[in-house]
């Protein structure tokens, strides 16, 4: 692959900008254990998944498709055009936001959305099939939410959530796959659907108000404790395979 094309595919700007980065000596690659600085944008280089390189002194890795795990902080919107709060996309470096796509929207996109006051696990990618795999209701990918309510939870409320409650947009009941009460006003709830404001609406249907909501898990992937709010990292190849399998 030409170095210019490699940089373009990774979101470093137009081909002309990528050409300039190379010709000005801002790009480095490892070769036989040593860093080299090519000055010819059309030079061919053998690429592989996870290949390390540097642009303007910052380390990067080559990925045909980008799979990103973000710890969403409160007070951010999952939108490219936010209305009232900063966009989650401002938490990502520009190359991830500029990776070329065939559609009008460039860069990685969030798999589903979390409300502005909801925190926790958010996955972003430029792999459309992967987004569909995790978002489609027919695949039933479980998502675990840590919930804090305003008042003390009753056993009757928990039983109703497991049995199923009716929301105002459909007569068909929706239910929690699993519930673990972790305190008088806290619980973990596992869902396999993805309706609009579903967690808050389900809790409201049993007479309670959500005061804090955090998504801690998708499939078997748990949000790492060391990933602070606002921080991101690439998913490993094994993590991507696990999510694709819904394990």
Protein backbone atom coordinates (compact mmCIF):
# COMPACT_ATOMS: atom_id res chain seq x y z
CA UNK A 1 0.00 0.00 0.00
CA UNK A 2 1.26 3.51 -0.77
CA UNK A 3 2.08 5.50 2.36
CA UNK A 4 -0.20 8.28 1.16
CA UNK A 5 -3.11 5.84 0.81
CA UNK A 6 -2.38 4.32 4.22
CA UNK A 7 -2.62 7.71 5.91
CA UNK A 8 -5.76 8.62 3.95
CA UNK A 9 -7.46 5.36 4.99
CA UNK A 10 -6.69 6.10 8.64
CA UNK A 11 -8.31 9.54 8.59
CA UNK A 12 -5.32 11.87 8.38
CA UNK A 13 -6.94 14.12 5.79
CA UNK A 14 -7.10 14.40 2.04
CA UNK A 15 -4.53 12.64 -0.12
CA UNK A 16 -2.79 15.97 -0.67
CA UNK A 17 -2.55 16.57 3.09
CA UNK A 18 -1.27 13.02 3.59
CA UNK A 19 1.30 13.57 0.86
CA UNK A 20 2.49 16.69 2.64
CA UNK A 21 2.81 14.89 5.97
CA UNK A 22 5.14 12.34 4.37
CA UNK A 23 7.20 14.80 2.32
CA UNK A 24 7.72 17.06 5.36
CA UNK A 25 9.09 14.14 7.39
CA UNK A 26 6.18 13.91 9.83
CA UNK A 27 5.57 10.16 9.35
CA UNK A 28 7.64 7.27 10.73
CA UNK A 29 7.37 3.48 10.42
CA UNK A 30 9.16 0.58 12.03
CA UNK A 31 11.29 -1.58 9.75
CA UNK A 32 13.42 -4.44 11.08
CA UNK A 33 13.16 -3.01 14.57
CA UNK A 34 14.22 0.50 13.54
CA UNK A 35 12.19 3.65 12.91
CA UNK A 36 12.47 5.04 9.39
CA UNK A 37 11.20 8.35 8.01
CA UNK A 38 10.23 7.98 4.33
CA UNK A 39 10.00 11.16 2.24
CA UNK A 40 8.20 9.72 -0.79
CA UNK A 41 4.38 9.59 -0.46
CA UNK A 42 4.04 7.04 -3.27
CA UNK A 43 6.45 4.60 -1.64
CA UNK A 44 4.89 1.17 -1.12
CA UNK A 45 4.84 -0.34 2.34
CA UNK A 46 3.56 -3.70 3.57
CA UNK A 47 0.80 -3.16 6.11
CA UNK A 48 -0.77 -5.47 8.69
CA UNK A 49 -3.48 -5.11 11.33
CA UNK A 50 -2.18 -3.27 14.36
CA UNK A 51 0.96 -2.07 12.56
CA UNK A 52 2.53 0.77 14.58
CA UNK A 53 3.45 4.08 12.99
CA UNK A 54 3.84 7.71 14.05
CA UNK A 55 2.41 10.93 12.67
CA UNK A 56 3.92 14.16 13.99
CA UNK A 57 5.44 12.25 16.89
CA UNK A 58 2.18 10.63 18.01
CA UNK A 59 1.86 6.83 17.98
CA UNK A 60 -0.88 5.18 15.91
CA UNK A 61 -1.85 1.73 14.70
CA UNK A 62 -3.14 0.68 11.30
CA UNK A 63 -6.62 -0.90 11.34
CA UNK A 64 -8.69 -1.73 8.28
CA UNK A 65 -11.73 -1.09 10.47
CA UNK A 66 -11.62 0.85 13.73
CA UNK A 67 -13.35 -0.58 16.81
CA UNK A 68 -13.31 1.82 19.74
CA UNK A 69 -14.44 1.52 23.35
CA UNK A 70 -15.34 4.84 24.98
CA UNK A 71 -16.26 5.49 28.60
CA UNK A 72 -19.00 8.05 28.02
CA UNK A 73 -19.12 10.77 30.68
CA UNK A 74 -22.28 12.54 31.78
CA UNK A 75 -23.16 15.78 30.05
CA UNK A 76 -22.37 14.61 26.52
CA UNK A 77 -24.61 13.79 23.55
CA UNK A 78 -24.27 10.85 21.18
CA UNK A 79 -24.77 13.07 18.15
CA UNK A 80 -22.66 14.60 15.41
CA UNK A 81 -24.81 17.72 15.75
CA UNK A 82 -25.56 18.09 19.48
CA UNK A 83 -28.30 20.45 20.59
CA UNK A 84 -27.43 21.31 24.19
CA UNK A 85 -24.36 19.37 25.31
CA UNK A 86 -20.90 18.64 23.87
CA UNK A 87 -20.73 15.74 21.41
CA UNK A 88 -19.04 12.49 22.42
CA UNK A 89 -17.13 12.72 19.13
CA UNK A 90 -15.12 15.65 20.52
CA UNK A 91 -13.56 13.13 22.93
CA UNK A 92 -11.96 11.28 20.02
CA UNK A 93 -8.89 12.34 18.00
CA UNK A 94 -9.61 13.80 14.57
CA UNK A 95 -8.29 10.79 12.56
CA UNK A 96 -10.98 8.57 14.10
CA UNK A 97 -13.59 11.19 13.21
CA UNK A 98 -12.28 11.58 9.66
CA UNK A 99 -11.79 7.98 8.54
CA UNK A 100 -13.21 7.90 4.98
CA UNK A 101 -16.61 6.29 4.49
CA UNK A 102 -18.76 5.72 1.42
CA UNK A 103 -21.62 7.53 3.15
CA UNK A 104 -21.85 11.28 3.71
CA UNK A 105 -20.94 10.86 7.39
CA UNK A 106 -17.25 10.15 7.91
CA UNK A 107 -15.42 8.44 10.75
CA UNK A 108 -16.51 6.03 13.46
CA UNK A 109 -20.15 6.02 14.55
CA UNK A 110 -21.68 5.09 17.90
CA UNK A 111 -23.41 1.73 18.20
CA UNK A 112 -26.71 2.96 19.63
CA UNK A 113 -27.04 5.97 21.89
CA UNK A 114 -26.92 6.85 25.55
CA UNK A 115 -28.79 9.85 27.01
CA UNK A 116 -26.72 12.92 27.87
CA UNK A 117 -26.92 12.10 31.60
CA UNK A 118 -26.17 8.37 31.12
CA UNK A 119 -22.59 7.19 31.55
CA UNK A 120 -20.68 4.07 30.66
CA UNK A 121 -19.81 1.77 27.81
CA UNK A 122 -20.14 3.07 24.29
CA UNK A 123 -18.72 1.31 21.25
CA UNK A 124 -17.90 3.20 18.06
CA UNK A 125 -16.80 1.80 14.71
CA UNK A 126 -16.75 2.36 10.97
CA UNK A 127 -17.85 -1.24 10.34
CA UNK A 128 -21.52 -1.04 9.29
CA UNK A 129 -22.11 -4.78 9.58
CA UNK A 130 -20.74 -4.73 13.14
CA UNK A 131 -23.06 -1.85 14.06
CA UNK A 132 -26.02 -3.82 12.70
CA UNK A 133 -24.90 -6.96 14.55
CA UNK A 134 -24.89 -5.20 17.92
CA UNK A 135 -27.95 -3.02 17.29
CA UNK A 136 -30.40 -5.43 15.67
CA UNK A 137 -33.07 -6.72 18.09
CA UNK A 138 -33.00 -10.17 16.49
CA UNK A 139 -29.46 -10.79 17.76
CA UNK A 140 -30.45 -10.12 21.41
CA UNK A 141 -27.04 -8.83 22.51
CA UNK A 142 -27.40 -8.37 26.30
CA UNK A 143 -26.59 -4.98 27.82
CA UNK A 144 -26.16 -4.49 31.56
CA UNK A 145 -27.15 -1.22 33.24
CA UNK A 146 -26.33 -0.08 36.77
CA UNK A 147 -29.35 1.87 38.02
CA UNK A 148 -29.89 4.13 41.01
CA UNK A 149 -33.46 5.09 41.88
CA UNK A 150 -34.80 7.98 43.93
CA UNK A 151 -36.72 5.77 46.36
CA UNK A 152 -36.19 2.36 47.93
CA UNK A 153 -36.92 -0.48 45.52
CA UNK A 154 -39.55 -3.04 46.45
CA UNK A 155 -39.52 -6.71 45.56
CA UNK A 156 -42.83 -6.20 43.81
CA UNK A 157 -41.22 -3.64 41.48
CA UNK A 158 -38.39 -6.04 40.66
CA UNK A 159 -40.85 -8.86 39.98
CA UNK A 160 -42.80 -6.62 37.61
CA UNK A 161 -39.65 -5.74 35.66
CA UNK A 162 -38.85 -9.43 35.23
CA UNK A 163 -42.42 -10.31 34.27
CA UNK A 164 -42.73 -7.45 31.79
CA UNK A 165 -44.16 -3.93 31.74
CA UNK A 166 -46.10 -2.10 29.04
CA UNK A 167 -44.61 1.15 27.72
CA UNK A 168 -46.66 3.88 26.13
CA UNK A 169 -45.44 3.28 22.55
CA UNK A 170 -46.41 -0.40 22.27
CA UNK A 171 -48.96 -2.78 23.81
CA UNK A 172 -46.36 -5.56 23.85
CA UNK A 173 -44.72 -5.91 27.29
CA UNK A 174 -40.95 -5.56 27.61
CA UNK A 175 -39.07 -7.30 30.36
CA UNK A 176 -35.66 -7.48 31.94
CA UNK A 177 -33.64 -10.61 31.16
CA UNK A 178 -31.99 -10.51 34.57
CA UNK A 179 -32.02 -8.33 37.68
CA UNK A 180 -29.58 -8.18 40.56
CA UNK A 181 -30.44 -5.88 43.45
CA UNK A 182 -27.21 -4.37 44.74
CA UNK A 183 -28.63 -2.02 47.37
CA UNK A 184 -31.86 -0.48 48.65
CA UNK A 185 -31.94 1.93 45.70
CA UNK A 186 -29.55 0.25 43.25
CA UNK A 187 -29.77 -2.66 40.86
CA UNK A 188 -28.19 -4.20 37.79
CA UNK A 189 -30.64 -4.84 34.96
CA UNK A 190 -29.90 -6.80 31.80
CA UNK A 191 -31.82 -5.97 28.61
CA UNK A 192 -31.71 -7.46 25.14
CA UNK A 193 -33.91 -4.82 23.47
CA UNK A 194 -33.03 -1.24 22.65
CA UNK A 195 -36.11 0.94 22.84
CA UNK A 196 -35.97 4.71 23.24
CA UNK A 197 -35.21 5.65 26.89
CA UNK A 198 -36.11 2.04 27.72
CA UNK A 199 -34.45 1.74 31.14
CA UNK A 200 -35.91 4.96 32.49
CA UNK A 201 -39.35 4.18 31.10
CA UNK A 202 -39.37 0.65 32.52
CA UNK A 203 -38.37 1.92 35.96
CA UNK A 204 -41.05 4.64 35.73
CA UNK A 205 -43.63 1.97 34.81
CA UNK A 206 -43.10 0.32 38.22
CA UNK A 207 -43.37 3.61 40.09
CA UNK A 208 -39.75 4.69 40.44
CA UNK A 209 -37.49 7.46 39.12
CA UNK A 210 -33.98 6.86 37.81
CA UNK A 211 -31.46 9.32 39.26
CA UNK A 212 -28.29 7.69 37.87
CA UNK A 213 -27.78 5.31 34.94
CA UNK A 214 -24.57 3.62 33.83
CA UNK A 215 -24.03 0.95 31.13
CA UNK A 216 -21.37 -1.41 32.40
CA UNK A 217 -21.46 -4.33 29.99
CA UNK A 218 -22.33 -5.43 26.42
CA UNK A 219 -22.33 -9.14 25.71
CA UNK A 220 -19.53 -10.51 27.87
CA UNK A 221 -17.44 -7.34 27.50
CA UNK A 222 -17.26 -5.39 30.76
CA UNK A 223 -16.24 -1.73 30.87
CA UNK A 224 -12.69 -1.75 32.32
CA UNK A 225 -12.33 0.01 35.67
CA UNK A 226 -9.08 1.62 34.54
CA UNK A 227 -10.81 3.40 31.63
CA UNK A 228 -11.82 6.75 33.13
CA UNK A 229 -14.84 8.79 31.98
CA UNK A 230 -13.97 10.49 28.70
CA UNK A 231 -11.17 8.05 27.87
CA UNK A 232 -11.14 5.60 24.95
CA UNK A 233 -9.11 2.70 23.62
CA UNK A 234 -9.18 0.32 20.68
CA UNK A 235 -10.98 -2.98 21.18
CA UNK A 236 -8.70 -5.98 20.86
CA UNK A 237 -9.24 -8.46 18.03
CA UNK A 238 -10.52 -10.99 20.57
CA UNK A 239 -12.99 -8.50 22.03
CA UNK A 240 -14.33 -7.75 18.55
CA UNK A 241 -14.73 -11.45 17.80
CA UNK A 242 -16.51 -11.96 21.11
CA UNK A 243 -18.98 -9.15 20.39
CA UNK A 244 -19.59 -10.42 16.88
CA UNK A 245 -20.47 -13.78 18.35
CA UNK A 246 -22.64 -12.23 21.05
CA UNK A 247 -20.83 -14.32 23.62
